[in-house]
Amino acid sequence: LAAIGKRVAGLGGPTFALQFRLQRLAWMVTWLLLASWTPPPFRRWRNFLLRSFGDRIHPTATIHAKAIVWWPGHLVMERYASMGPGVICYDVAPITIAEFASVSQRAHLCTGSHDVQDPEFPLISRPIVICANAWVAAEAFVGPGVTVGEGAIERERDPSWAASGDTD
């Protein structure tokens, strides 16, 4: 294989530096061993662990033990913001969850995608902002560059939001 050690179009290569990948590994092991099993009253402990890895989380914010945060250093959670069980927070770019905003179970916050027009298929990312008093409902998907407005409800999998029209 002549391509070993070289970047091959369509196959990409490491997007992040080795040091950052090792930091992420340390984060994943820390969350798995010290937080993923904790009961709800251990919120302050989970917040401490997140802050230890760079998260800017208000003391009243809540992240469920079964939420998955890709990198705490890209996450901001304001007063009484919450993230439920099974939430996937793929934050390769910043995610801000403003005060009293709620992200419900199994929602997916995804700041990254790929440039499918580029043969190198590079990672592209844009921040997500969930404004005050907004609600990202269960199993909703919030993609790169999206702002969920103040008081808005994001319920992407709700059939009432599906495209409609004549099927005759």
Protein backbone atom coordinates (compact mmCIF):
# COMPACT_ATOMS: atom_id res chain seq x y z
CA LEU A 1 0.00 0.00 0.00
CA ALA A 2 1.77 3.08 -1.26
CA ALA A 3 -0.79 5.31 0.44
CA ILE A 4 0.22 4.44 4.02
CA GLY A 5 1.03 7.62 5.87
CA LYS A 6 -0.37 9.78 3.09
CA ARG A 7 -3.67 11.57 2.85
CA VAL A 8 -5.79 9.87 0.19
CA ALA A 9 -8.68 11.67 -1.52
CA GLY A 10 -11.98 10.34 -0.21
CA LEU A 11 -10.33 8.63 2.74
CA GLY A 12 -9.29 11.78 4.58
CA GLY A 13 -6.92 11.58 7.48
CA PRO A 14 -6.75 12.70 11.09
CA THR A 15 -8.85 15.83 11.53
CA PHE A 16 -7.46 16.63 14.96
CA ALA A 17 -3.95 16.71 16.37
CA LEU A 18 -2.73 13.77 18.40
CA GLN A 19 -2.60 15.84 21.61
CA PHE A 20 -6.27 16.76 21.26
CA ARG A 21 -7.25 13.17 20.50
CA LEU A 22 -5.46 12.09 23.69
CA GLN A 23 -7.30 14.79 25.67
CA ARG A 24 -10.59 13.50 24.25
CA LEU A 25 -9.63 9.97 25.22
CA ALA A 26 -8.96 11.16 28.78
CA TRP A 27 -12.35 12.91 28.78
CA MET A 28 -14.22 9.83 27.53
CA VAL A 29 -12.60 7.57 30.13
CA THR A 30 -13.26 10.12 32.89
CA TRP A 31 -16.96 10.43 32.01
CA LEU A 32 -17.36 6.66 31.64
CA LEU A 33 -15.74 5.81 34.98
CA LEU A 34 -16.72 8.78 37.12
CA ALA A 35 -20.02 10.14 35.79
CA SER A 36 -21.98 7.90 33.41
CA TRP A 37 -23.33 5.76 36.24
CA THR A 38 -24.18 8.53 38.72
CA PRO A 39 -27.74 9.14 39.97
CA PRO A 40 -29.50 12.51 39.43
CA PRO A 41 -28.48 13.99 42.82
CA PHE A 42 -24.82 13.87 41.66
CA ARG A 43 -25.42 16.81 39.28
CA ARG A 44 -22.77 18.95 40.99
CA TRP A 45 -20.20 16.18 40.64
CA ARG A 46 -20.92 15.83 36.90
CA ASN A 47 -20.73 19.63 36.50
CA PHE A 48 -17.36 19.62 38.27
CA LEU A 49 -16.02 16.98 35.88
CA LEU A 50 -17.30 18.93 32.86
CA ARG A 51 -15.71 22.14 34.17
CA SER A 52 -12.44 20.27 34.72
CA PHE A 53 -12.31 19.72 30.96
CA GLY A 54 -13.20 23.29 30.02
CA ASP A 55 -17.00 23.34 30.03
CA ARG A 56 -18.54 26.66 31.01
CA ILE A 57 -21.52 25.32 32.92
CA HIS A 58 -23.57 27.31 35.42
CA PRO A 59 -23.91 25.63 38.83
CA THR A 60 -27.68 25.30 38.33
CA ALA A 61 -27.40 23.63 34.91
CA THR A 62 -28.09 19.90 34.66
CA ILE A 63 -26.57 17.25 32.42
CA HIS A 64 -27.93 13.74 32.76
CA ALA A 65 -25.35 11.02 33.39
CA LYS A 66 -26.35 9.26 30.15
CA ALA A 67 -25.80 12.34 27.95
CA ILE A 68 -22.79 12.15 25.64
CA VAL A 69 -20.63 15.27 25.31
CA TRP A 70 -17.96 15.00 22.61
CA TRP A 71 -15.74 17.75 24.07
CA PRO A 72 -16.68 19.81 27.18
CA GLY A 73 -14.47 22.74 26.16
CA HIS A 74 -16.93 23.60 23.39
CA LEU A 75 -20.04 23.56 25.59
CA VAL A 76 -21.65 26.49 27.40
CA MET A 77 -24.70 25.93 29.62
CA GLU A 78 -26.32 28.88 31.34
CA ARG A 79 -28.62 29.10 34.38
CA TYR A 80 -31.04 26.18 34.70
CA ALA A 81 -30.23 24.84 31.23
CA SER A 82 -30.68 21.10 31.00
CA MET A 83 -29.61 18.17 28.87
CA GLY A 84 -31.54 14.92 29.23
CA PRO A 85 -30.60 11.25 29.04
CA GLY A 86 -29.24 9.95 25.77
CA VAL A 87 -28.57 13.39 24.30
CA ILE A 88 -25.70 13.31 21.81
CA CYS A 89 -23.79 16.57 21.96
CA TYR A 90 -21.35 16.34 19.04
CA ASP A 91 -19.69 19.69 19.68
CA VAL A 92 -16.71 19.99 17.35
CA ALA A 93 -17.76 23.67 17.27
CA PRO A 94 -19.27 25.60 20.19
CA ILE A 95 -22.74 24.79 21.49
CA THR A 96 -24.46 27.31 23.73
CA ILE A 97 -27.56 26.35 25.71
CA ALA A 98 -29.00 29.52 27.21
CA GLU A 99 -30.84 29.93 30.48
CA PHE A 100 -33.90 27.79 31.08
CA ALA A 101 -33.43 26.01 27.73
CA SER A 102 -33.97 22.27 27.68
CA VAL A 103 -32.62 19.52 25.44
CA SER A 104 -34.76 16.41 25.86
CA GLN A 105 -33.85 12.74 25.77
CA ARG A 106 -32.08 11.32 22.74
CA ALA A 107 -31.90 14.67 20.93
CA HIS A 108 -28.84 15.10 18.73
CA LEU A 109 -26.90 18.38 18.67
CA CYS A 110 -24.47 18.07 15.77
CA THR A 111 -22.07 20.91 14.90
CA GLY A 112 -20.08 18.92 12.36
CA SER A 113 -20.56 17.60 8.86
CA HIS A 114 -18.40 17.03 5.80
CA ASP A 115 -17.92 18.93 2.58
CA VAL A 116 -19.21 16.36 0.09
CA GLN A 117 -18.15 18.55 -2.85
CA ASP A 118 -14.48 18.38 -1.85
CA PRO A 119 -12.67 15.14 -2.82
CA GLU A 120 -10.76 15.32 0.49
CA PHE A 121 -14.16 15.17 2.32
CA PRO A 122 -12.99 17.56 5.10
CA LEU A 123 -14.82 18.08 8.34
CA ILE A 124 -16.73 21.34 8.46
CA SER A 125 -18.33 22.72 11.58
CA ARG A 126 -20.56 25.59 12.66
CA PRO A 127 -21.82 26.51 16.13
CA ILE A 128 -25.27 25.78 17.53
CA VAL A 129 -27.13 28.22 19.78
CA ILE A 130 -30.20 27.24 21.77
CA CYS A 131 -31.69 30.48 23.05
CA ALA A 132 -33.35 31.13 26.41
CA ASN A 133 -36.50 29.19 27.25
CA ALA A 134 -36.24 27.07 24.08
CA TRP A 135 -36.98 23.37 24.04
CA VAL A 136 -35.32 20.78 21.83
CA ALA A 137 -37.82 17.94 22.03
CA ALA A 138 -37.08 14.23 22.31
CA GLU A 139 -35.13 12.75 19.39
CA ALA A 140 -34.92 16.06 17.52
CA PHE A 141 -31.87 16.75 15.36
CA VAL A 142 -30.21 20.18 15.45
CA GLY A 143 -27.57 20.57 12.75
CA PRO A 144 -24.53 22.80 12.19
CA GLY A 145 -25.12 26.54 12.26
CA VAL A 146 -28.65 26.32 13.68
CA THR A 147 -30.03 28.79 16.20
CA VAL A 148 -33.15 27.65 18.06
CA GLY A 149 -34.83 30.97 18.87
CA GLU A 150 -35.94 32.23 22.23
CA GLY A 151 -38.95 30.26 23.48
CA ALA A 152 -38.98 28.09 20.33
CA ILE A 153 -39.70 24.38 20.21
CA GLU A 154 -37.54 22.22 17.96
CA ARG A 155 -39.40 18.99 17.31
CA GLU A 156 -38.00 17.79 14.03
CA ARG A 157 -39.40 14.26 14.24
CA ASP A 158 -42.92 15.52 14.93
CA PRO A 159 -45.17 14.51 11.97
CA SER A 160 -46.82 17.95 12.03
CA TRP A 161 -43.52 19.36 10.73
CA ALA A 162 -43.34 16.93 7.81
CA ALA A 163 -43.70 18.21 4.26
CA SER A 164 -47.28 18.18 3.09
CA GLY A 165 -48.98 18.34 -0.27
CA ASP A 166 -51.12 16.41 -2.70
CA THR A 167 -50.10 12.81 -3.20
CA ASP A 168 -52.67 12.11 -5.96
